[in-house]
Amino acid sequence: MFGFHRLKGDFMKDVLRLKMLLILQNNGTITDFIKDGFTYGQVAEMINKIVVEGYARESEGEIIITDKGKEWVTEFNNTNQLKGSKSWILPEEKSRIEKIDKNEVYLPSRNELHF
């Protein structure tokens, strides 16, 4: 199973790139990034970076995914054994908690709930 709990360093950057490319590929919106706590400026920087790297390009006022970007998504999914819905539905990381003992009770405060 693919563990998103390992989000650190380069892997985190890859997951953010994957999320951005999936949004571009499926004509989505950046609302998910804003909900994750990113500012519009940070999202713009991410978009600029994937354009500079060649994973996306500007066309007629829109940012679209390139063939290189599509190949990278496929390679990332294959490398990390993401198949079916796991290849296009990314887990929400901000609600993830550290693993606890199976007999331990967890009651989050209302401030920790993100839904």
PDB file of N, CA and C in Angstrom:
ATOM      1  N   MET A   1       0.828  -1.184   0.000  1.00  0.00           N
ATOM      2  CA  MET A   1       0.000   0.000   0.000  1.00  0.00           C
ATOM      3  C   MET A   1       0.867   1.240   0.000  1.00  0.00           C
ATOM      4  N   PHE A   2       0.403   2.246  -0.641  1.00  0.00           N
ATOM      5  CA  PHE A   2       1.126   3.493  -0.778  1.00  0.00           C
ATOM      6  C   PHE A   2       0.908   4.353   0.450  1.00  0.00           C
ATOM      7  N   GLY A   3       1.971   4.803   1.112  1.00  0.00           N
ATOM      8  CA  GLY A   3       1.832   5.565   2.348  1.00  0.00           C
ATOM      9  C   GLY A   3       2.113   7.043   2.164  1.00  0.00           C
ATOM     10  N   PHE A   4       1.076   7.883   2.187  1.00  0.00           N
ATOM     11  CA  PHE A   4       1.267   9.317   2.075  1.00  0.00           C
ATOM     12  C   PHE A   4       1.766   9.912   3.384  1.00  0.00           C
ATOM     13  N   HIS A   5       1.837   9.097   4.450  1.00  0.00           N
ATOM     14  CA  HIS A   5       2.327   9.614   5.721  1.00  0.00           C
ATOM     15  C   HIS A   5       3.823   9.901   5.665  1.00  0.00           C
ATOM     16  N   ARG A   6       4.489   9.517   4.575  1.00  0.00           N
ATOM     17  CA  ARG A   6       5.918   9.739   4.429  1.00  0.00           C
ATOM     18  C   ARG A   6       6.227  11.077   3.755  1.00  0.00           C
ATOM     19  N   LEU A   7       5.304  11.996   3.723  1.00  0.00           N
ATOM     20  CA  LEU A   7       5.467  13.226   2.970  1.00  0.00           C
ATOM     21  C   LEU A   7       6.571  14.106   3.539  1.00  0.00           C
ATOM     22  N   LYS A   8       7.761  13.955   2.997  1.00  0.00           N
ATOM     23  CA  LYS A   8       8.903  14.763   3.430  1.00  0.00           C
ATOM     24  C   LYS A   8       9.791  15.014   2.218  1.00  0.00           C
ATOM     25  N   GLY A   9      10.410  16.156   2.199  1.00  0.00           N
ATOM     26  CA  GLY A   9      11.413  16.471   1.197  1.00  0.00           C
ATOM     27  C   GLY A   9      10.932  16.335  -0.232  1.00  0.00           C
ATOM     28  N   ASP A  10      11.734  15.627  -1.047  1.00  0.00           N
ATOM     29  CA  ASP A  10      11.438  15.479  -2.462  1.00  0.00           C
ATOM     30  C   ASP A  10      10.120  14.767  -2.705  1.00  0.00           C
ATOM     31  N   PHE A  11       9.793  13.817  -1.852  1.00  0.00           N
ATOM     32  CA  PHE A  11       8.543  13.089  -2.034  1.00  0.00           C
ATOM     33  C   PHE A  11       7.357  14.031  -1.884  1.00  0.00           C
ATOM     34  N   MET A  12       7.430  14.949  -0.927  1.00  0.00           N
ATOM     35  CA  MET A  12       6.371  15.941  -0.740  1.00  0.00           C
ATOM     36  C   MET A  12       6.236  16.795  -1.988  1.00  0.00           C
ATOM     37  N   LYS A  13       7.355  17.213  -2.543  1.00  0.00           N
ATOM     38  CA  LYS A  13       7.328  18.009  -3.766  1.00  0.00           C
ATOM     39  C   LYS A  13       6.684  17.228  -4.903  1.00  0.00           C
ATOM     40  N   ASP A  14       6.982  15.930  -4.978  1.00  0.00           N
ATOM     41  CA  ASP A  14       6.392  15.088  -6.019  1.00  0.00           C
ATOM     42  C   ASP A  14       4.881  14.974  -5.850  1.00  0.00           C
ATOM     43  N   VAL A  15       4.412  14.859  -4.627  1.00  0.00           N
ATOM     44  CA  VAL A  15       2.977  14.745  -4.380  1.00  0.00           C
ATOM     45  C   VAL A  15       2.274  16.058  -4.738  1.00  0.00           C
ATOM     46  N   LEU A  16       2.902  17.191  -4.398  1.00  0.00           N
ATOM     47  CA  LEU A  16       2.326  18.483  -4.770  1.00  0.00           C
ATOM     48  C   LEU A  16       2.306  18.643  -6.292  1.00  0.00           C
ATOM     49  N   ARG A  17       3.382  18.218  -6.952  1.00  0.00           N
ATOM     50  CA  ARG A  17       3.423  18.269  -8.414  1.00  0.00           C
ATOM     51  C   ARG A  17       2.328  17.380  -8.993  1.00  0.00           C
ATOM     52  N   LEU A  18       2.181  16.172  -8.434  1.00  0.00           N
ATOM     53  CA  LEU A  18       1.138  15.261  -8.898  1.00  0.00           C
ATOM     54  C   LEU A  18      -0.237  15.895  -8.758  1.00  0.00           C
ATOM     55  N   LYS A  19      -0.493  16.494  -7.608  1.00  0.00           N
ATOM     56  CA  LYS A  19      -1.790  17.117  -7.371  1.00  0.00           C
ATOM     57  C   LYS A  19      -2.043  18.240  -8.374  1.00  0.00           C
ATOM     58  N   MET A  20      -1.034  19.070  -8.617  1.00  0.00           N
ATOM     59  CA  MET A  20      -1.189  20.171  -9.565  1.00  0.00           C
ATOM     60  C   MET A  20      -1.410  19.647 -10.979  1.00  0.00           C
ATOM     61  N   LEU A  21      -0.658  18.639 -11.378  1.00  0.00           N
ATOM     62  CA  LEU A  21      -0.814  18.098 -12.724  1.00  0.00           C
ATOM     63  C   LEU A  21      -2.170  17.424 -12.908  1.00  0.00           C
ATOM     64  N   LEU A  22      -2.665  16.757 -11.877  1.00  0.00           N
ATOM     65  CA  LEU A  22      -3.992  16.149 -11.965  1.00  0.00           C
ATOM     66  C   LEU A  22      -5.073  17.226 -12.085  1.00  0.00           C
ATOM     67  N   ILE A  23      -4.888  18.333 -11.378  1.00  0.00           N
ATOM     68  CA  ILE A  23      -5.835  19.447 -11.499  1.00  0.00           C
ATOM     69  C   ILE A  23      -5.828  19.983 -12.925  1.00  0.00           C
ATOM     70  N   LEU A  24      -4.651  20.164 -13.503  1.00  0.00           N
ATOM     71  CA  LEU A  24      -4.560  20.654 -14.876  1.00  0.00           C
ATOM     72  C   LEU A  24      -5.128  19.651 -15.870  1.00  0.00           C
ATOM     73  N   GLN A  25      -4.813  18.389 -15.669  1.00  0.00           N
ATOM     74  CA  GLN A  25      -5.258  17.340 -16.587  1.00  0.00           C
ATOM     75  C   GLN A  25      -6.780  17.202 -16.588  1.00  0.00           C
ATOM     76  N   ASN A  26      -7.399  17.414 -15.431  1.00  0.00           N
ATOM     77  CA  ASN A  26      -8.840  17.199 -15.304  1.00  0.00           C
ATOM     78  C   ASN A  26      -9.632  18.502 -15.225  1.00  0.00           C
ATOM     79  N   ASN A  27      -9.006  19.619 -15.632  1.00  0.00           N
ATOM     80  CA  ASN A  27      -9.658  20.931 -15.628  1.00  0.00           C
ATOM     81  C   ASN A  27     -10.247  21.274 -14.262  1.00  0.00           C
ATOM     82  N   GLY A  28      -9.487  21.003 -13.204  1.00  0.00           N
ATOM     83  CA  GLY A  28      -9.932  21.295 -11.848  1.00  0.00           C
ATOM     84  C   GLY A  28      -9.616  22.724 -11.452  1.00  0.00           C
ATOM     85  N   THR A  29      -9.767  23.007 -10.158  1.00  0.00           N
ATOM     86  CA  THR A  29      -9.470  24.338  -9.638  1.00  0.00           C
ATOM     87  C   THR A  29      -8.421  24.227  -8.533  1.00  0.00           C
ATOM     88  N   ILE A  30      -7.846  25.356  -8.188  1.00  0.00           N
ATOM     89  CA  ILE A  30      -6.809  25.371  -7.151  1.00  0.00           C
ATOM     90  C   ILE A  30      -7.406  25.459  -5.753  1.00  0.00           C
ATOM     91  N   THR A  31      -8.703  25.352  -5.644  1.00  0.00           N
ATOM     92  CA  THR A  31      -9.386  25.454  -4.352  1.00  0.00           C
ATOM     93  C   THR A  31      -8.822  24.458  -3.339  1.00  0.00           C
ATOM     94  N   ASP A  32      -8.475  23.252  -3.790  1.00  0.00           N
ATOM     95  CA  ASP A  32      -7.915  22.255  -2.873  1.00  0.00           C
ATOM     96  C   ASP A  32      -6.612  22.735  -2.248  1.00  0.00           C
ATOM     97  N   PHE A  33      -5.783  23.417  -3.022  1.00  0.00           N
ATOM     98  CA  PHE A  33      -4.538  23.947  -2.468  1.00  0.00           C
ATOM     99  C   PHE A  33      -4.832  25.041  -1.438  1.00  0.00           C
ATOM    100  N   ILE A  34      -5.811  25.867  -1.719  1.00  0.00           N
ATOM    101  CA  ILE A  34      -6.179  26.937  -0.784  1.00  0.00           C
ATOM    102  C   ILE A  34      -6.727  26.313   0.501  1.00  0.00           C
ATOM    103  N   LYS A  35      -7.555  25.275   0.373  1.00  0.00           N
ATOM    104  CA  LYS A  35      -8.088  24.588   1.544  1.00  0.00           C
ATOM    105  C   LYS A  35      -6.981  23.913   2.349  1.00  0.00           C
ATOM    106  N   ASP A  36      -5.913  23.503   1.667  1.00  0.00           N
ATOM    107  CA  ASP A  36      -4.778  22.872   2.350  1.00  0.00           C
ATOM    108  C   ASP A  36      -3.894  23.889   3.056  1.00  0.00           C
ATOM    109  N   GLY A  37      -4.203  25.183   2.915  1.00  0.00           N
ATOM    110  CA  GLY A  37      -3.447  26.208   3.626  1.00  0.00           C
ATOM    111  C   GLY A  37      -2.436  26.959   2.791  1.00  0.00           C
ATOM    112  N   PHE A  38      -2.369  26.687   1.494  1.00  0.00           N
ATOM    113  CA  PHE A  38      -1.451  27.414   0.633  1.00  0.00           C
ATOM    114  C   PHE A  38      -2.065  28.768   0.265  1.00  0.00           C
ATOM    115  N   THR A  39      -1.220  29.764   0.068  1.00  0.00           N
ATOM    116  CA  THR A  39      -1.699  31.066  -0.377  1.00  0.00           C
ATOM    117  C   THR A  39      -1.761  31.065  -1.900  1.00  0.00           C
ATOM    118  N   TYR A  40      -2.462  32.047  -2.453  1.00  0.00           N
ATOM    119  CA  TYR A  40      -2.531  32.162  -3.911  1.00  0.00           C
ATOM    120  C   TYR A  40      -1.135  32.377  -4.497  1.00  0.00           C
ATOM    121  N   GLY A  41      -0.302  33.097  -3.791  1.00  0.00           N
ATOM    122  CA  GLY A  41       1.073  33.315  -4.235  1.00  0.00           C
ATOM    123  C   GLY A  41       1.864  32.020  -4.305  1.00  0.00           C
ATOM    124  N   GLN A  42       1.703  31.169  -3.294  1.00  0.00           N
ATOM    125  CA  GLN A  42       2.404  29.880  -3.293  1.00  0.00           C
ATOM    126  C   GLN A  42       1.910  28.990  -4.429  1.00  0.00           C
ATOM    127  N   VAL A  43       0.607  29.021  -4.682  1.00  0.00           N
ATOM    128  CA  VAL A  43       0.051  28.232  -5.781  1.00  0.00           C
ATOM    129  C   VAL A  43       0.602  28.745  -7.113  1.00  0.00           C
ATOM    130  N   ALA A  44       0.690  30.060  -7.252  1.00  0.00           N
ATOM    131  CA  ALA A  44       1.249  30.647  -8.472  1.00  0.00           C
ATOM    132  C   ALA A  44       2.708  30.220  -8.657  1.00  0.00           C
ATOM    133  N   GLU A  45       3.471  30.180  -7.574  1.00  0.00           N
ATOM    134  CA  GLU A  45       4.864  29.720  -7.650  1.00  0.00           C
ATOM    135  C   GLU A  45       4.933  28.265  -8.107  1.00  0.00           C
ATOM    136  N   MET A  46       4.030  27.420  -7.580  1.00  0.00           N
ATOM    137  CA  MET A  46       4.002  26.010  -7.994  1.00  0.00           C
ATOM    138  C   MET A  46       3.695  25.893  -9.481  1.00  0.00           C
ATOM    139  N   ILE A  47       2.734  26.692  -9.938  1.00  0.00           N
ATOM    140  CA  ILE A  47       2.372  26.661 -11.362  1.00  0.00           C
ATOM    141  C   ILE A  47       3.556  27.108 -12.211  1.00  0.00           C
ATOM    142  N   ASN A  48       4.204  28.207 -11.812  1.00  0.00           N
ATOM    143  CA  ASN A  48       5.376  28.680 -12.557  1.00  0.00           C
ATOM    144  C   ASN A  48       6.464  27.621 -12.606  1.00  0.00           C
ATOM    145  N   LYS A  49       6.666  26.924 -11.495  1.00  0.00           N
ATOM    146  CA  LYS A  49       7.716  25.910 -11.440  1.00  0.00           C
ATOM    147  C   LYS A  49       7.439  24.753 -12.395  1.00  0.00           C
ATOM    148  N   ILE A  50       6.193  24.270 -12.426  1.00  0.00           N
ATOM    149  CA  ILE A  50       5.916  23.140 -13.326  1.00  0.00           C
ATOM    150  C   ILE A  50       5.936  23.578 -14.790  1.00  0.00           C
ATOM    151  N   VAL A  51       5.670  24.863 -15.044  1.00  0.00           N
ATOM    152  CA  VAL A  51       5.787  25.377 -16.416  1.00  0.00           C
ATOM    153  C   VAL A  51       7.264  25.424 -16.808  1.00  0.00           C
ATOM    154  N   VAL A  52       8.110  25.961 -15.922  1.00  0.00           N
ATOM    155  CA  VAL A  52       9.554  26.036 -16.195  1.00  0.00           C
ATOM    156  C   VAL A  52      10.143  24.638 -16.375  1.00  0.00           C
ATOM    157  N   GLU A  53       9.683  23.671 -15.569  1.00  0.00           N
ATOM    158  CA  GLU A  53      10.181  22.297 -15.665  1.00  0.00           C
ATOM    159  C   GLU A  53       9.666  21.580 -16.910  1.00  0.00           C
ATOM    160  N   GLY A  54       8.682  22.160 -17.599  1.00  0.00           N
ATOM    161  CA  GLY A  54       8.175  21.564 -18.831  1.00  0.00           C
ATOM    162  C   GLY A  54       7.015  20.607 -18.647  1.00  0.00           C
ATOM    163  N   TYR A  55       6.452  20.533 -17.440  1.00  0.00           N
ATOM    164  CA  TYR A  55       5.322  19.633 -17.192  1.00  0.00           C
ATOM    165  C   TYR A  55       3.983  20.260 -17.605  1.00  0.00           C
ATOM    166  N   ALA A  56       3.983  21.581 -17.787  1.00  0.00           N
ATOM    167  CA  ALA A  56       2.778  22.296 -18.206  1.00  0.00           C
ATOM    168  C   ALA A  56       3.215  23.465 -19.076  1.00  0.00           C
ATOM    169  N   ARG A  57       2.238  24.032 -19.807  1.00  0.00           N
ATOM    170  CA  ARG A  57       2.547  25.199 -20.633  1.00  0.00           C
ATOM    171  C   ARG A  57       1.317  26.088 -20.731  1.00  0.00           C
ATOM    172  N   GLU A  58       1.557  27.329 -21.127  1.00  0.00           N
ATOM    173  CA  GLU A  58       0.470  28.285 -21.302  1.00  0.00           C
ATOM    174  C   GLU A  58       0.004  28.200 -22.745  1.00  0.00           C
ATOM    175  N   SER A  59      -1.307  28.143 -22.926  1.00  0.00           N
ATOM    176  CA  SER A  59      -1.881  28.082 -24.269  1.00  0.00           C
ATOM    177  C   SER A  59      -3.198  28.845 -24.269  1.00  0.00           C
ATOM    178  N   GLU A  60      -3.241  29.920 -25.035  1.00  0.00           N
ATOM    179  CA  GLU A  60      -4.452  30.734 -25.172  1.00  0.00           C
ATOM    180  C   GLU A  60      -4.999  31.180 -23.815  1.00  0.00           C
ATOM    181  N   GLY A  61      -4.107  31.617 -22.949  1.00  0.00           N
ATOM    182  CA  GLY A  61      -4.513  32.127 -21.643  1.00  0.00           C
ATOM    183  C   GLY A  61      -4.791  31.063 -20.599  1.00  0.00           C
ATOM    184  N   GLU A  62      -4.564  29.809 -20.913  1.00  0.00           N
ATOM    185  CA  GLU A  62      -4.783  28.713 -19.965  1.00  0.00           C
ATOM    186  C   GLU A  62      -3.487  27.957 -19.739  1.00  0.00           C
ATOM    187  N   ILE A  63      -3.364  27.357 -18.570  1.00  0.00           N
ATOM    188  CA  ILE A  63      -2.226  26.478 -18.282  1.00  0.00           C
ATOM    189  C   ILE A  63      -2.702  25.057 -18.531  1.00  0.00           C
ATOM    190  N   ILE A  64      -2.001  24.342 -19.407  1.00  0.00           N
ATOM    191  CA  ILE A  64      -2.390  22.968 -19.730  1.00  0.00           C
ATOM    192  C   ILE A  64      -1.208  22.033 -19.491  1.00  0.00           C
ATOM    193  N   ILE A  65      -1.519  20.788 -19.228  1.00  0.00           N
ATOM    194  CA  ILE A  65      -0.487  19.778 -18.987  1.00  0.00           C
ATOM    195  C   ILE A  65       0.138  19.381 -20.329  1.00  0.00           C
ATOM    196  N   THR A  66       1.446  19.166 -20.328  1.00  0.00           N
ATOM    197  CA  THR A  66       2.146  18.752 -21.541  1.00  0.00           C
ATOM    198  C   THR A  66       2.247  17.231 -21.575  1.00  0.00           C
ATOM    199  N   ASP A  67       2.749  16.716 -22.689  1.00  0.00           N
ATOM    200  CA  ASP A  67       2.976  15.271 -22.790  1.00  0.00           C
ATOM    201  C   ASP A  67       3.988  14.820 -21.738  1.00  0.00           C
ATOM    202  N   LYS A  68       5.006  15.664 -21.488  1.00  0.00           N
ATOM    203  CA  LYS A  68       5.993  15.347 -20.451  1.00  0.00           C
ATOM    204  C   LYS A  68       5.304  15.227 -19.097  1.00  0.00           C
ATOM    205  N   GLY A  69       4.356  16.119 -18.809  1.00  0.00           N
ATOM    206  CA  GLY A  69       3.614  16.071 -17.555  1.00  0.00           C
ATOM    207  C   GLY A  69       2.773  14.812 -17.449  1.00  0.00           C
ATOM    208  N   LYS A  70       2.110  14.438 -18.532  1.00  0.00           N
ATOM    209  CA  LYS A  70       1.288  13.220 -18.538  1.00  0.00           C
ATOM    210  C   LYS A  70       2.152  11.984 -18.322  1.00  0.00           C
ATOM    211  N   GLU A  71       3.329  11.971 -18.963  1.00  0.00           N
ATOM    212  CA  GLU A  71       4.255  10.848 -18.784  1.00  0.00           C
ATOM    213  C   GLU A  71       4.741  10.780 -17.340  1.00  0.00           C
ATOM    214  N   TRP A  72       5.027  11.942 -16.730  1.00  0.00           N
ATOM    215  CA  TRP A  72       5.492  11.957 -15.348  1.00  0.00           C
ATOM    216  C   TRP A  72       4.422  11.411 -14.411  1.00  0.00           C
ATOM    217  N   VAL A  73       3.154  11.790 -14.627  1.00  0.00           N
ATOM    218  CA  VAL A  73       2.046  11.286 -13.797  1.00  0.00           C
ATOM    219  C   VAL A  73       1.971   9.769 -13.911  1.00  0.00           C
ATOM    220  N   THR A  74       2.041   9.254 -15.128  1.00  0.00           N
ATOM    221  CA  THR A  74       1.981   7.803 -15.341  1.00  0.00           C
ATOM    222  C   THR A  74       3.150   7.107 -14.666  1.00  0.00           C
ATOM    223  N   GLU A  75       4.357   7.655 -14.823  1.00  0.00           N
ATOM    224  CA  GLU A  75       5.552   7.066 -14.206  1.00  0.00           C
ATOM    225  C   GLU A  75       5.456   7.095 -12.681  1.00  0.00           C
ATOM    226  N   PHE A  76       4.996   8.208 -12.113  1.00  0.00           N
ATOM    227  CA  PHE A  76       4.851   8.325 -10.662  1.00  0.00           C
ATOM    228  C   PHE A  76       3.857   7.283 -10.149  1.00  0.00           C
ATOM    229  N   ASN A  77       2.725   7.136 -10.836  1.00  0.00           N
ATOM    230  CA  ASN A  77       1.719   6.151 -10.435  1.00  0.00           C
ATOM    231  C   ASN A  77       2.270   4.735 -10.512  1.00  0.00           C
ATOM    232  N   ASN A  78       3.012   4.432 -11.568  1.00  0.00           N
ATOM    233  CA  ASN A  78       3.595   3.089 -11.711  1.00  0.00           C
ATOM    234  C   ASN A  78       4.662   2.825 -10.659  1.00  0.00           C
ATOM    235  N   THR A  79       5.523   3.803 -10.418  1.00  0.00           N
ATOM    236  CA  THR A  79       6.598   3.657  -9.430  1.00  0.00           C
ATOM    237  C   THR A  79       6.045   3.411  -8.031  1.00  0.00           C
ATOM    238  N   ASN A  80       4.967   4.107  -7.700  1.00  0.00           N
ATOM    239  CA  ASN A  80       4.385   4.017  -6.360  1.00  0.00           C
ATOM    240  C   ASN A  80       3.194   3.076  -6.290  1.00  0.00           C
ATOM    241  N   GLN A  81       3.013   2.297  -7.347  1.00  0.00           N
ATOM    242  CA  GLN A  81       1.965   1.276  -7.421  1.00  0.00           C
ATOM    243  C   GLN A  81       0.580   1.850  -7.137  1.00  0.00           C
ATOM    244  N   LEU A  82       0.293   2.993  -7.753  1.00  0.00           N
ATOM    245  CA  LEU A  82      -1.018   3.617  -7.617  1.00  0.00           C
ATOM    246  C   LEU A  82      -1.885   3.170  -8.788  1.00  0.00           C
ATOM    247  N   LYS A  83      -2.938   2.448  -8.480  1.00  0.00           N
ATOM    248  CA  LYS A  83      -3.828   1.940  -9.525  1.00  0.00           C
ATOM    249  C   LYS A  83      -5.256   2.284  -9.162  1.00  0.00           C
ATOM    250  N   GLY A  84      -6.107   2.323 -10.158  1.00  0.00           N
ATOM    251  CA  GLY A  84      -7.515   2.627  -9.919  1.00  0.00           C
ATOM    252  C   GLY A  84      -7.687   4.037  -9.388  1.00  0.00           C
ATOM    253  N   SER A  85      -8.567   4.194  -8.420  1.00  0.00           N
ATOM    254  CA  SER A  85      -8.859   5.526  -7.884  1.00  0.00           C
ATOM    255  C   SER A  85      -7.675   6.117  -7.132  1.00  0.00           C
ATOM    256  N   LYS A  86      -6.746   5.285  -6.654  1.00  0.00           N
ATOM    257  CA  LYS A  86      -5.572   5.810  -5.947  1.00  0.00           C
ATOM    258  C   LYS A  86      -4.696   6.651  -6.869  1.00  0.00           C
ATOM    259  N   SER A  87      -4.817   6.473  -8.177  1.00  0.00           N
ATOM    260  CA  SER A  87      -3.983   7.226  -9.108  1.00  0.00           C
ATOM    261  C   SER A  87      -4.516   8.626  -9.365  1.00  0.00           C
ATOM    262  N   TRP A  88      -5.734   8.927  -8.946  1.00  0.00           N
ATOM    263  CA  TRP A  88      -6.263  10.273  -9.161  1.00  0.00           C
ATOM    264  C   TRP A  88      -6.977  10.876  -7.962  1.00  0.00           C
ATOM    265  N   ILE A  89      -7.174  10.117  -6.886  1.00  0.00           N
ATOM    266  CA  ILE A  89      -7.728  10.663  -5.653  1.00  0.00           C
ATOM    267  C   ILE A  89      -6.623  10.671  -4.607  1.00  0.00           C
ATOM    268  N   LEU A  90      -6.241  11.855  -4.179  1.00  0.00           N
ATOM    269  CA  LEU A  90      -5.172  11.983  -3.196  1.00  0.00           C
ATOM    270  C   LEU A  90      -5.771  12.158  -1.809  1.00  0.00           C
ATOM    271  N   PRO A  91      -5.210  11.489  -0.805  1.00  0.00           N
ATOM    272  CA  PRO A  91      -5.751  11.624   0.552  1.00  0.00           C
ATOM    273  C   PRO A  91      -5.548  13.028   1.103  1.00  0.00           C
ATOM    274  N   GLU A  92      -6.432  13.431   1.997  1.00  0.00           N
ATOM    275  CA  GLU A  92      -6.324  14.727   2.647  1.00  0.00           C
ATOM    276  C   GLU A  92      -5.362  14.583   3.822  1.00  0.00           C
ATOM    277  N   GLU A  93      -4.242  15.231   3.734  1.00  0.00           N
ATOM    278  CA  GLU A  93      -3.185  15.070   4.729  1.00  0.00           C
ATOM    279  C   GLU A  93      -3.404  15.871   6.001  1.00  0.00           C
ATOM    280  N   LYS A  94      -4.127  16.984   5.951  1.00  0.00           N
ATOM    281  CA  LYS A  94      -4.207  17.833   7.137  1.00  0.00           C
ATOM    282  C   LYS A  94      -5.020  17.199   8.256  1.00  0.00           C
ATOM    283  N   SER A  95      -5.831  16.196   7.963  1.00  0.00           N
ATOM    284  CA  SER A  95      -6.617  15.529   8.997  1.00  0.00           C
ATOM    285  C   SER A  95      -5.966  14.247   9.511  1.00  0.00           C
ATOM    286  N   ARG A  96      -4.824  13.881   8.965  1.00  0.00           N
ATOM    287  CA  ARG A  96      -4.132  12.660   9.378  1.00  0.00           C
ATOM    288  C   ARG A  96      -3.523  12.854  10.762  1.00  0.00           C
ATOM    289  N   ILE A  97      -3.611  11.842  11.606  1.00  0.00           N
ATOM    290  CA  ILE A  97      -3.026  11.889  12.944  1.00  0.00           C
ATOM    291  C   ILE A  97      -1.944  10.825  13.041  1.00  0.00           C
ATOM    292  N   GLU A  98      -1.113  10.935  14.055  1.00  0.00           N
ATOM    293  CA  GLU A  98      -0.089   9.913  14.277  1.00  0.00           C
ATOM    294  C   GLU A  98      -0.761   8.612  14.678  1.00  0.00           C
ATOM    295  N   LYS A  99      -0.126   7.506  14.327  1.00  0.00           N
ATOM    296  CA  LYS A  99      -0.675   6.200  14.643  1.00  0.00           C
ATOM    297  C   LYS A  99      -0.732   6.015  16.159  1.00  0.00           C
ATOM    298  N   ILE A 100      -1.863   5.484  16.637  1.00  0.00           N
ATOM    299  CA  ILE A 100      -2.036   5.239  18.067  1.00  0.00           C
ATOM    300  C   ILE A 100      -2.308   3.761  18.285  1.00  0.00           C
ATOM    301  N   ASP A 101      -2.185   3.316  19.517  1.00  0.00           N
ATOM    302  CA  ASP A 101      -2.445   1.926  19.875  1.00  0.00           C
ATOM    303  C   ASP A 101      -3.902   1.589  19.580  1.00  0.00           C
ATOM    304  N   LYS A 102      -4.181   0.361  19.195  1.00  0.00           N
ATOM    305  CA  LYS A 102      -5.552  -0.003  18.816  1.00  0.00           C
ATOM    306  C   LYS A 102      -6.529   0.060  19.979  1.00  0.00           C
ATOM    307  N   ASN A 103      -6.056   0.027  21.205  1.00  0.00           N
ATOM    308  CA  ASN A 103      -6.947   0.122  22.360  1.00  0.00           C
ATOM    309  C   ASN A 103      -7.042   1.543  22.927  1.00  0.00           C
ATOM    310  N   GLU A 104      -6.344   2.466  22.315  1.00  0.00           N
ATOM    311  CA  GLU A 104      -6.349   3.848  22.778  1.00  0.00           C
ATOM    312  C   GLU A 104      -7.519   4.603  22.137  1.00  0.00           C
ATOM    313  N   VAL A 105      -8.176   5.438  22.922  1.00  0.00           N
ATOM    314  CA  VAL A 105      -9.308   6.214  22.428  1.00  0.00           C
ATOM    315  C   VAL A 105      -8.809   7.591  22.013  1.00  0.00           C
ATOM    316  N   TYR A 106      -9.252   8.042  20.851  1.00  0.00           N
ATOM    317  CA  TYR A 106      -8.852   9.354  20.356  1.00  0.00           C
ATOM    318  C   TYR A 106     -10.093  10.226  20.197  1.00  0.00           C
ATOM    319  N   LEU A 107     -10.110  11.333  20.898  1.00  0.00           N
ATOM    320  CA  LEU A 107     -11.198  12.298  20.787  1.00  0.00           C
ATOM    321  C   LEU A 107     -10.598  13.647  20.402  1.00  0.00           C
ATOM    322  N   PRO A 108     -10.732  14.046  19.142  1.00  0.00           N
ATOM    323  CA  PRO A 108     -10.145  15.325  18.725  1.00  0.00           C
ATOM    324  C   PRO A 108     -10.964  16.495  19.252  1.00  0.00           C
ATOM    325  N   SER A 109     -10.310  17.613  19.441  1.00  0.00           N
ATOM    326  CA  SER A 109     -11.047  18.815  19.803  1.00  0.00           C
ATOM    327  C   SER A 109     -11.730  19.349  18.543  1.00  0.00           C
ATOM    328  N   ARG A 110     -12.728  20.166  18.709  1.00  0.00           N
ATOM    329  CA  ARG A 110     -13.445  20.716  17.553  1.00  0.00           C
ATOM    330  C   ARG A 110     -12.520  21.537  16.659  1.00  0.00           C
ATOM    331  N   ASN A 111     -11.501  22.142  17.235  1.00  0.00           N
ATOM    332  CA  ASN A 111     -10.565  22.959  16.455  1.00  0.00           C
ATOM    333  C   ASN A 111      -9.691  22.120  15.549  1.00  0.00           C
ATOM    334  N   GLU A 112      -9.526  20.827  15.860  1.00  0.00           N
ATOM    335  CA  GLU A 112      -8.684  19.958  15.045  1.00  0.00           C
ATOM    336  C   GLU A 112      -9.445  19.365  13.865  1.00  0.00           C
ATOM    337  N   LEU A 113     -10.746  19.435  13.857  1.00  0.00           N
ATOM    338  CA  LEU A 113     -11.541  18.862  12.776  1.00  0.00           C
ATOM    339  C   LEU A 113     -11.542  19.795  11.574  1.00  0.00           C
ATOM    340  N   HIS A 114     -11.275  19.248  10.402  1.00  0.00           N
ATOM    341  CA  HIS A 114     -11.160  20.062   9.196  1.00  0.00           C
ATOM    342  C   HIS A 114     -12.271  19.803   8.197  1.00  0.00           C
ATOM    343  N   PHE A 115     -13.404  19.306   8.655  1.00  0.00           N
ATOM    344  CA  PHE A 115     -14.503  19.078   7.706  1.00  0.00           C
ATOM    345  C   PHE A 115     -15.769  19.687   8.207  1.00  0.00           C
TER     346      PHE A 115
END
